[in-house]
N, C-alpha and C. Protein backbone atom coordinates (compact mmCIF):
# COMPACT_ATOMS: atom_id res chain seq x y z
N MET A 1 24.52 -0.54 -6.05
CA MET A 1 23.91 -1.85 -5.99
C MET A 1 24.94 -2.81 -5.40
N GLU A 2 24.45 -3.81 -4.71
CA GLU A 2 25.34 -4.83 -4.16
C GLU A 2 24.64 -6.20 -4.32
N LEU A 3 25.48 -7.21 -4.31
CA LEU A 3 24.97 -8.58 -4.45
C LEU A 3 24.34 -8.99 -3.13
N VAL A 4 23.08 -9.41 -3.21
CA VAL A 4 22.40 -9.94 -2.02
C VAL A 4 22.61 -11.44 -2.01
N THR A 5 23.11 -12.00 -0.89
CA THR A 5 23.48 -13.40 -0.86
C THR A 5 22.67 -14.17 0.16
N ASP A 6 22.58 -15.51 -0.07
CA ASP A 6 21.95 -16.36 0.91
C ASP A 6 22.97 -16.82 1.91
N GLY A 7 22.65 -17.78 2.76
CA GLY A 7 23.56 -18.27 3.82
C GLY A 7 24.81 -18.92 3.32
N GLU A 8 24.81 -19.43 2.11
CA GLU A 8 26.02 -20.07 1.56
C GLU A 8 26.82 -19.13 0.70
N GLY A 9 26.45 -17.89 0.60
CA GLY A 9 27.21 -16.88 -0.20
C GLY A 9 26.80 -16.87 -1.64
N ASN A 10 25.75 -17.58 -2.01
CA ASN A 10 25.24 -17.57 -3.35
C ASN A 10 24.23 -16.42 -3.52
N ALA A 11 23.96 -16.07 -4.77
CA ALA A 11 22.94 -15.05 -5.00
C ALA A 11 21.65 -15.47 -4.29
N ALA A 12 21.08 -14.52 -3.56
CA ALA A 12 19.82 -14.82 -2.80
C ALA A 12 18.70 -15.11 -3.79
N PRO A 13 17.93 -16.15 -3.47
CA PRO A 13 16.79 -16.46 -4.39
C PRO A 13 15.64 -15.49 -4.22
N ARG A 14 14.87 -15.36 -5.29
CA ARG A 14 13.60 -14.64 -5.17
C ARG A 14 12.68 -15.43 -4.25
N LEU A 15 11.79 -14.74 -3.59
CA LEU A 15 10.87 -15.37 -2.63
C LEU A 15 10.10 -16.48 -3.27
N ASN A 16 9.70 -16.33 -4.53
CA ASN A 16 8.88 -17.36 -5.17
C ASN A 16 9.68 -18.63 -5.46
N ASP A 17 10.99 -18.59 -5.30
CA ASP A 17 11.82 -19.78 -5.51
C ASP A 17 12.19 -20.50 -4.21
N VAL A 18 11.68 -20.07 -3.13
CA VAL A 18 12.04 -20.62 -1.79
C VAL A 18 10.93 -21.60 -1.37
N GLU A 19 11.40 -22.73 -0.83
CA GLU A 19 10.42 -23.69 -0.24
C GLU A 19 9.82 -23.06 0.99
N MET A 20 8.53 -23.12 1.08
CA MET A 20 7.81 -22.38 2.11
C MET A 20 7.00 -23.32 2.99
N THR A 21 7.08 -23.11 4.29
CA THR A 21 6.19 -23.78 5.27
C THR A 21 5.23 -22.72 5.81
N GLU A 22 4.27 -23.20 6.50
CA GLU A 22 3.31 -22.25 7.13
C GLU A 22 4.01 -21.30 8.10
N ALA A 23 4.86 -21.90 8.92
CA ALA A 23 5.59 -21.09 9.94
C ALA A 23 6.51 -20.06 9.27
N LEU A 24 7.21 -20.47 8.24
CA LEU A 24 8.09 -19.51 7.53
C LEU A 24 7.27 -18.46 6.85
N ALA A 25 6.14 -18.84 6.26
CA ALA A 25 5.27 -17.88 5.56
C ALA A 25 4.77 -16.78 6.55
N LEU A 26 4.37 -17.22 7.74
CA LEU A 26 3.85 -16.27 8.73
C LEU A 26 5.00 -15.36 9.21
N GLU A 27 6.17 -15.92 9.42
CA GLU A 27 7.29 -15.14 9.89
C GLU A 27 7.72 -14.10 8.81
N LEU A 28 7.86 -14.54 7.59
CA LEU A 28 8.25 -13.62 6.53
C LEU A 28 7.20 -12.58 6.24
N HIS A 29 5.92 -12.96 6.28
CA HIS A 29 4.85 -12.01 6.07
C HIS A 29 4.91 -10.88 7.13
N ALA A 30 5.10 -11.28 8.38
CA ALA A 30 5.15 -10.26 9.47
C ALA A 30 6.37 -9.32 9.27
N ARG A 31 7.54 -9.89 8.88
CA ARG A 31 8.72 -9.09 8.66
C ARG A 31 8.53 -8.12 7.49
N LEU A 32 7.90 -8.63 6.46
CA LEU A 32 7.67 -7.76 5.28
C LEU A 32 6.67 -6.70 5.56
N LEU A 33 5.64 -6.99 6.34
CA LEU A 33 4.66 -5.94 6.73
C LEU A 33 5.41 -4.86 7.49
N ASP A 34 6.34 -5.25 8.35
CA ASP A 34 7.07 -4.25 9.11
C ASP A 34 7.92 -3.39 8.15
N GLU A 35 8.48 -4.03 7.11
CA GLU A 35 9.24 -3.29 6.12
C GLU A 35 8.35 -2.31 5.34
N VAL A 36 7.13 -2.74 5.03
CA VAL A 36 6.15 -1.88 4.33
C VAL A 36 5.83 -0.69 5.21
N VAL A 37 5.62 -0.95 6.48
CA VAL A 37 5.34 0.13 7.46
C VAL A 37 6.48 1.11 7.53
N THR A 38 7.73 0.56 7.62
CA THR A 38 8.91 1.41 7.72
C THR A 38 9.02 2.31 6.46
N MET A 39 8.79 1.72 5.27
CA MET A 39 8.82 2.47 4.05
C MET A 39 7.82 3.60 4.07
N LEU A 40 6.59 3.26 4.47
CA LEU A 40 5.50 4.25 4.52
C LEU A 40 5.82 5.35 5.53
N CYS A 41 6.41 5.02 6.69
CA CYS A 41 6.80 5.99 7.67
C CYS A 41 7.82 6.99 7.07
N GLU A 42 8.56 6.52 6.09
CA GLU A 42 9.54 7.36 5.37
C GLU A 42 8.88 8.04 4.18
N GLY A 43 7.56 7.84 3.99
CA GLY A 43 6.79 8.48 2.94
C GLY A 43 6.84 7.79 1.59
N MET A 44 7.16 6.52 1.59
CA MET A 44 7.31 5.80 0.33
C MET A 44 6.40 4.53 0.29
N VAL A 45 5.85 4.30 -0.89
CA VAL A 45 5.09 3.10 -1.19
C VAL A 45 5.74 2.43 -2.32
N HIS A 46 6.04 1.12 -2.24
CA HIS A 46 6.76 0.38 -3.27
C HIS A 46 6.02 0.46 -4.61
N GLY A 47 4.76 0.06 -4.60
CA GLY A 47 3.94 0.20 -5.79
C GLY A 47 3.85 -1.04 -6.66
N ASP A 48 4.74 -1.99 -6.45
CA ASP A 48 4.75 -3.22 -7.26
C ASP A 48 5.33 -4.37 -6.45
N LEU A 49 4.98 -4.45 -5.20
CA LEU A 49 5.54 -5.45 -4.31
C LEU A 49 4.90 -6.81 -4.56
N SER A 50 5.72 -7.80 -4.77
CA SER A 50 5.24 -9.18 -4.95
C SER A 50 6.39 -10.11 -4.63
N GLU A 51 6.12 -11.40 -4.71
CA GLU A 51 7.13 -12.42 -4.43
C GLU A 51 8.28 -12.39 -5.44
N TYR A 52 8.07 -11.72 -6.54
CA TYR A 52 9.10 -11.63 -7.57
C TYR A 52 10.14 -10.52 -7.33
N ASN A 53 9.83 -9.60 -6.45
CA ASN A 53 10.81 -8.54 -6.19
C ASN A 53 11.13 -8.47 -4.70
N ILE A 54 11.21 -9.66 -4.12
CA ILE A 54 11.71 -9.80 -2.76
C ILE A 54 12.73 -10.98 -2.80
N LEU A 55 13.96 -10.69 -2.33
CA LEU A 55 14.98 -11.74 -2.25
C LEU A 55 15.05 -12.22 -0.83
N LEU A 56 15.41 -13.48 -0.65
CA LEU A 56 15.56 -14.02 0.69
C LEU A 56 17.06 -14.15 0.97
N ALA A 57 17.60 -13.16 1.61
CA ALA A 57 19.03 -13.11 1.99
C ALA A 57 19.26 -13.92 3.25
N ALA A 58 20.52 -14.07 3.59
CA ALA A 58 20.91 -14.83 4.80
C ALA A 58 20.26 -14.27 6.07
N ASP A 59 20.07 -12.93 6.11
CA ASP A 59 19.50 -12.33 7.31
C ASP A 59 18.07 -11.95 7.14
N GLY A 60 17.39 -12.39 6.12
CA GLY A 60 15.96 -12.15 5.94
C GLY A 60 15.60 -11.56 4.60
N PRO A 61 14.35 -11.20 4.42
CA PRO A 61 13.89 -10.71 3.12
C PRO A 61 14.48 -9.32 2.78
N VAL A 62 14.73 -9.14 1.49
CA VAL A 62 15.23 -7.85 1.00
C VAL A 62 14.36 -7.44 -0.18
N ILE A 63 13.72 -6.26 -0.05
CA ILE A 63 12.81 -5.77 -1.06
C ILE A 63 13.66 -5.09 -2.16
N ILE A 64 13.42 -5.46 -3.41
CA ILE A 64 14.17 -4.88 -4.54
C ILE A 64 13.24 -4.21 -5.52
N ASP A 65 13.75 -3.70 -6.60
CA ASP A 65 12.99 -3.05 -7.68
C ASP A 65 12.19 -1.86 -7.15
N LEU A 66 12.90 -0.86 -6.66
CA LEU A 66 12.25 0.30 -6.09
C LEU A 66 12.08 1.47 -7.03
N PRO A 67 12.47 1.43 -8.29
CA PRO A 67 12.31 2.58 -9.16
C PRO A 67 10.86 3.07 -9.31
N GLN A 68 9.91 2.19 -9.19
CA GLN A 68 8.52 2.59 -9.34
C GLN A 68 7.86 3.08 -8.04
N ALA A 69 8.66 3.12 -6.96
CA ALA A 69 8.12 3.59 -5.66
C ALA A 69 7.61 4.99 -5.81
N VAL A 70 6.54 5.27 -5.03
CA VAL A 70 5.94 6.64 -5.11
C VAL A 70 5.92 7.32 -3.73
N ASN A 71 5.81 8.60 -3.77
CA ASN A 71 5.69 9.45 -2.57
C ASN A 71 4.30 9.26 -2.04
N ALA A 72 4.16 8.78 -0.83
CA ALA A 72 2.85 8.47 -0.22
C ALA A 72 1.98 9.73 -0.12
N ALA A 73 2.57 10.84 0.21
CA ALA A 73 1.79 12.07 0.42
C ALA A 73 1.52 12.76 -0.89
N GLY A 74 2.31 12.53 -1.91
CA GLY A 74 2.17 13.26 -3.15
C GLY A 74 1.50 12.54 -4.31
N ASN A 75 0.98 11.34 -4.02
CA ASN A 75 0.40 10.54 -5.09
C ASN A 75 -0.99 10.13 -4.69
N HIS A 76 -1.98 10.50 -5.49
CA HIS A 76 -3.39 10.21 -5.18
C HIS A 76 -3.70 8.72 -5.14
N GLU A 77 -2.85 7.93 -5.84
CA GLU A 77 -3.05 6.48 -5.90
C GLU A 77 -2.26 5.73 -4.82
N ALA A 78 -1.55 6.44 -3.95
CA ALA A 78 -0.69 5.78 -2.96
C ALA A 78 -1.42 4.80 -2.06
N ALA A 79 -2.59 5.16 -1.56
CA ALA A 79 -3.35 4.26 -0.70
C ALA A 79 -3.72 2.98 -1.45
N ALA A 80 -4.18 3.10 -2.67
CA ALA A 80 -4.55 1.90 -3.46
C ALA A 80 -3.30 1.07 -3.76
N MET A 81 -2.17 1.72 -4.04
CA MET A 81 -0.93 1.00 -4.33
C MET A 81 -0.46 0.25 -3.11
N LEU A 82 -0.52 0.88 -1.92
CA LEU A 82 -0.11 0.26 -0.70
C LEU A 82 -0.99 -0.97 -0.46
N GLU A 83 -2.30 -0.79 -0.62
CA GLU A 83 -3.20 -1.91 -0.36
C GLU A 83 -2.91 -3.07 -1.35
N ARG A 84 -2.63 -2.74 -2.61
CA ARG A 84 -2.31 -3.81 -3.57
C ARG A 84 -1.03 -4.50 -3.19
N ASP A 85 -0.01 -3.74 -2.76
CA ASP A 85 1.24 -4.37 -2.32
C ASP A 85 0.99 -5.32 -1.17
N VAL A 86 0.24 -4.91 -0.18
CA VAL A 86 0.03 -5.72 1.01
C VAL A 86 -0.87 -6.91 0.65
N ASP A 87 -1.84 -6.71 -0.20
CA ASP A 87 -2.71 -7.83 -0.65
C ASP A 87 -1.87 -8.85 -1.45
N ASN A 88 -0.92 -8.40 -2.24
CA ASN A 88 -0.04 -9.28 -2.98
C ASN A 88 0.67 -10.19 -2.00
N LEU A 89 1.17 -9.63 -0.90
CA LEU A 89 1.88 -10.41 0.09
C LEU A 89 0.92 -11.45 0.70
N ALA A 90 -0.29 -11.00 1.08
CA ALA A 90 -1.25 -11.89 1.66
C ALA A 90 -1.64 -13.06 0.69
N THR A 91 -1.77 -12.73 -0.53
CA THR A 91 -2.15 -13.73 -1.54
C THR A 91 -1.04 -14.78 -1.70
N TYR A 92 0.20 -14.28 -1.80
CA TYR A 92 1.34 -15.21 -1.94
C TYR A 92 1.47 -16.06 -0.69
N PHE A 93 1.64 -15.45 0.45
CA PHE A 93 1.86 -16.23 1.70
C PHE A 93 0.60 -17.02 2.10
N GLY A 94 -0.57 -16.55 1.65
CA GLY A 94 -1.80 -17.26 1.92
C GLY A 94 -1.86 -18.65 1.33
N GLN A 95 -1.03 -18.93 0.34
CA GLN A 95 -0.97 -20.24 -0.23
C GLN A 95 -0.47 -21.28 0.82
N PHE A 96 0.36 -20.77 1.75
CA PHE A 96 0.99 -21.59 2.75
C PHE A 96 0.37 -21.35 4.17
N ALA A 97 -0.24 -20.21 4.36
CA ALA A 97 -0.86 -19.85 5.64
C ALA A 97 -2.20 -19.23 5.27
N PRO A 98 -3.24 -20.02 5.03
CA PRO A 98 -4.53 -19.57 4.50
C PRO A 98 -5.17 -18.47 5.38
N GLN A 99 -4.86 -18.40 6.66
CA GLN A 99 -5.44 -17.39 7.53
C GLN A 99 -5.10 -15.97 7.10
N LEU A 100 -4.07 -15.84 6.28
CA LEU A 100 -3.68 -14.48 5.82
C LEU A 100 -4.58 -13.99 4.74
N LEU A 101 -5.34 -14.87 4.11
CA LEU A 101 -6.18 -14.50 2.97
C LEU A 101 -7.35 -13.60 3.33
N THR A 102 -7.74 -13.61 4.58
CA THR A 102 -8.87 -12.80 5.00
C THR A 102 -8.48 -11.54 5.76
N THR A 103 -7.21 -11.20 5.75
CA THR A 103 -6.74 -10.04 6.50
C THR A 103 -6.88 -8.77 5.70
N GLN A 104 -6.83 -7.65 6.39
CA GLN A 104 -6.97 -6.33 5.77
C GLN A 104 -5.82 -5.42 6.27
N TYR A 105 -4.62 -5.90 6.22
CA TYR A 105 -3.51 -5.14 6.71
C TYR A 105 -3.26 -3.85 5.94
N GLY A 106 -3.51 -3.86 4.64
CA GLY A 106 -3.31 -2.64 3.85
C GLY A 106 -4.18 -1.52 4.30
N LYS A 107 -5.45 -1.78 4.47
CA LYS A 107 -6.38 -0.79 4.98
C LYS A 107 -6.01 -0.30 6.38
N GLU A 108 -5.62 -1.25 7.22
CA GLU A 108 -5.27 -0.91 8.58
C GLU A 108 -4.02 -0.01 8.60
N ILE A 109 -3.02 -0.40 7.81
CA ILE A 109 -1.77 0.38 7.78
C ILE A 109 -2.08 1.79 7.30
N TRP A 110 -2.84 1.90 6.22
CA TRP A 110 -3.15 3.26 5.68
C TRP A 110 -3.95 4.11 6.63
N ARG A 111 -4.89 3.51 7.34
CA ARG A 111 -5.67 4.27 8.34
C ARG A 111 -4.73 4.80 9.43
N LEU A 112 -3.85 3.98 9.89
CA LEU A 112 -2.88 4.43 10.93
C LEU A 112 -1.98 5.54 10.37
N TYR A 113 -1.60 5.42 9.11
CA TYR A 113 -0.76 6.40 8.48
C TYR A 113 -1.53 7.76 8.42
N GLU A 114 -2.75 7.73 7.93
CA GLU A 114 -3.53 8.95 7.83
C GLU A 114 -3.79 9.60 9.17
N ALA A 115 -3.93 8.77 10.23
CA ALA A 115 -4.18 9.28 11.56
C ALA A 115 -2.88 9.79 12.23
N GLY A 116 -1.76 9.57 11.60
CA GLY A 116 -0.48 9.94 12.19
C GLY A 116 -0.04 9.05 13.31
N GLU A 117 -0.55 7.79 13.31
CA GLU A 117 -0.25 6.86 14.39
C GLU A 117 0.62 5.70 13.90
N LEU A 118 1.10 5.75 12.69
CA LEU A 118 1.94 4.67 12.16
C LEU A 118 3.38 4.83 12.53
N LYS A 119 3.97 3.77 13.05
CA LYS A 119 5.41 3.78 13.30
C LYS A 119 5.87 2.33 13.21
N SER A 120 7.13 2.15 12.97
CA SER A 120 7.71 0.81 12.84
C SER A 120 7.48 0.08 14.13
N GLY A 121 7.06 -1.18 14.02
CA GLY A 121 6.85 -1.99 15.19
C GLY A 121 5.43 -1.88 15.73
N VAL A 122 4.61 -1.05 15.16
CA VAL A 122 3.24 -0.88 15.67
C VAL A 122 2.53 -2.22 15.55
N PRO A 123 1.81 -2.65 16.58
CA PRO A 123 1.08 -3.92 16.48
C PRO A 123 -0.07 -3.80 15.48
N LEU A 124 -0.10 -4.78 14.57
CA LEU A 124 -1.15 -4.84 13.53
C LEU A 124 -2.04 -6.07 13.78
N THR A 125 -3.33 -5.94 13.48
CA THR A 125 -4.27 -7.04 13.66
C THR A 125 -4.70 -7.65 12.36
N GLY A 126 -4.63 -6.86 11.27
CA GLY A 126 -5.17 -7.33 10.02
C GLY A 126 -6.68 -7.20 9.88
N ARG A 127 -7.27 -6.55 10.93
CA ARG A 127 -8.72 -6.36 10.92
C ARG A 127 -8.97 -4.85 11.06
N ILE A 128 -10.04 -4.38 10.44
CA ILE A 128 -10.46 -3.02 10.63
C ILE A 128 -11.97 -3.03 10.83
N SER A 129 -12.43 -2.05 11.55
CA SER A 129 -13.90 -1.96 11.74
C SER A 129 -14.45 -1.05 10.61
N ALA A 130 -15.61 -1.42 10.17
CA ALA A 130 -16.25 -0.69 9.08
C ALA A 130 -16.67 0.71 9.57
N ASP A 131 -16.59 1.70 8.69
CA ASP A 131 -17.02 3.04 9.00
C ASP A 131 -18.55 3.06 8.89
N THR A 132 -19.18 3.30 10.00
CA THR A 132 -20.69 3.27 10.03
C THR A 132 -21.26 4.67 10.19
N THR A 133 -20.43 5.70 9.95
CA THR A 133 -20.87 7.07 10.03
C THR A 133 -21.98 7.33 9.02
N LYS A 134 -23.08 7.86 9.49
CA LYS A 134 -24.17 8.16 8.56
C LYS A 134 -23.77 9.33 7.65
N VAL A 135 -24.19 9.20 6.41
CA VAL A 135 -23.89 10.25 5.42
C VAL A 135 -25.01 11.26 5.52
N ASP A 136 -24.61 12.55 5.56
CA ASP A 136 -25.57 13.62 5.48
C ASP A 136 -25.88 13.88 4.03
N MET A 137 -26.90 13.24 3.52
CA MET A 137 -27.21 13.25 2.10
C MET A 137 -27.56 14.64 1.59
N LYS A 138 -28.27 15.41 2.42
CA LYS A 138 -28.62 16.78 2.02
C LYS A 138 -27.35 17.63 1.79
N ALA A 139 -26.40 17.54 2.73
CA ALA A 139 -25.20 18.27 2.63
C ALA A 139 -24.36 17.82 1.42
N LEU A 140 -24.32 16.52 1.16
CA LEU A 140 -23.65 15.96 0.04
C LEU A 140 -24.25 16.49 -1.28
N LEU A 141 -25.56 16.45 -1.40
CA LEU A 141 -26.21 16.90 -2.59
C LEU A 141 -26.00 18.41 -2.80
N ARG A 142 -26.00 19.17 -1.70
CA ARG A 142 -25.77 20.62 -1.77
C ARG A 142 -24.38 20.88 -2.26
N GLU A 143 -23.39 20.15 -1.74
CA GLU A 143 -22.00 20.32 -2.19
C GLU A 143 -21.85 19.97 -3.67
N LEU A 144 -22.50 18.88 -4.11
CA LEU A 144 -22.39 18.51 -5.53
C LEU A 144 -23.04 19.62 -6.41
N GLU A 145 -24.17 20.18 -5.98
CA GLU A 145 -24.80 21.24 -6.75
C GLU A 145 -23.90 22.48 -6.81
N GLU A 146 -23.30 22.86 -5.66
CA GLU A 146 -22.39 24.02 -5.64
C GLU A 146 -21.22 23.78 -6.61
N THR A 147 -20.69 22.56 -6.64
CA THR A 147 -19.57 22.24 -7.55
C THR A 147 -20.04 22.34 -8.99
N ARG A 148 -21.21 21.80 -9.30
CA ARG A 148 -21.78 21.90 -10.63
C ARG A 148 -21.95 23.34 -11.09
N LEU A 149 -22.49 24.18 -10.22
CA LEU A 149 -22.66 25.57 -10.53
C LEU A 149 -21.31 26.30 -10.74
N GLU A 150 -20.34 25.98 -9.90
CA GLU A 150 -19.01 26.56 -10.04
C GLU A 150 -18.44 26.17 -11.41
N GLN A 151 -18.55 24.89 -11.81
CA GLN A 151 -18.03 24.47 -13.10
C GLN A 151 -18.72 25.12 -14.24
N GLU A 152 -20.05 25.27 -14.16
CA GLU A 152 -20.82 25.98 -15.21
C GLU A 152 -20.33 27.43 -15.32
N ASP A 153 -20.11 28.10 -14.18
CA ASP A 153 -19.65 29.46 -14.18
C ASP A 153 -18.29 29.54 -14.80
N LYS A 154 -17.41 28.64 -14.49
CA LYS A 154 -16.02 28.59 -15.07
C LYS A 154 -16.12 28.43 -16.54
N ILE A 155 -16.96 27.55 -17.04
CA ILE A 155 -17.11 27.32 -18.49
C ILE A 155 -17.61 28.57 -19.17
N ARG A 156 -18.59 29.24 -18.55
CA ARG A 156 -19.09 30.50 -19.09
C ARG A 156 -18.02 31.57 -19.21
N ARG A 157 -17.18 31.70 -18.14
CA ARG A 157 -16.11 32.66 -18.15
C ARG A 157 -15.06 32.35 -19.26
N ILE A 158 -14.75 31.10 -19.38
CA ILE A 158 -13.82 30.71 -20.47
C ILE A 158 -14.39 31.00 -21.82
N GLN A 159 -15.64 30.67 -21.97
CA GLN A 159 -16.28 30.91 -23.30
C GLN A 159 -16.38 32.44 -23.58
N ALA A 160 -16.70 33.23 -22.55
CA ALA A 160 -16.76 34.68 -22.74
C ALA A 160 -15.38 35.26 -23.08
N ALA A 161 -14.36 34.73 -22.47
CA ALA A 161 -12.99 35.18 -22.76
C ALA A 161 -12.64 34.82 -24.25
N ARG A 162 -13.03 33.66 -24.68
CA ARG A 162 -12.76 33.21 -26.06
C ARG A 162 -13.53 34.13 -27.03
N ASP A 163 -14.79 34.41 -26.70
CA ASP A 163 -15.67 35.22 -27.59
C ASP A 163 -15.11 36.65 -27.68
N ALA A 164 -14.45 37.12 -26.60
CA ALA A 164 -13.93 38.50 -26.58
C ALA A 164 -12.68 38.66 -27.43
N THR A 165 -12.01 37.54 -27.75
CA THR A 165 -10.77 37.65 -28.55
C THR A 165 -11.02 37.46 -30.04
């Protein structure tokens, strides 16, 4: 660990203790999104990102409190955690730059990650198009029925094994 300092050499303030303008909010939001992307490219999601665990150092924002970070590929909740992290940023900075409140950067970042197209510096829009693919309801119902039958068979085998002992 090292001391993170501001421009005067004092302990860097938490983001929520910094006076914010719209221009600064937009600049810091963009820089932090790039940090989130960089972390995800390394396979990591912070999991609890907010204005309380970001320090504003002399050279820009520093993300802290990483012990709760998760492996993006190994955690089923990683997409939801990433989206929550990014939404937390939009909510905080949206107080000063309201246009951020309607963005969907989290979903966009995760889609790019899943497609293997995410890299640091990738241009983000904050907008995603809705998936309008029609659902094959017959195939879905067939798959659900097959799963139900497999589960019933598994339960029967377990019960038969118990009865045999």
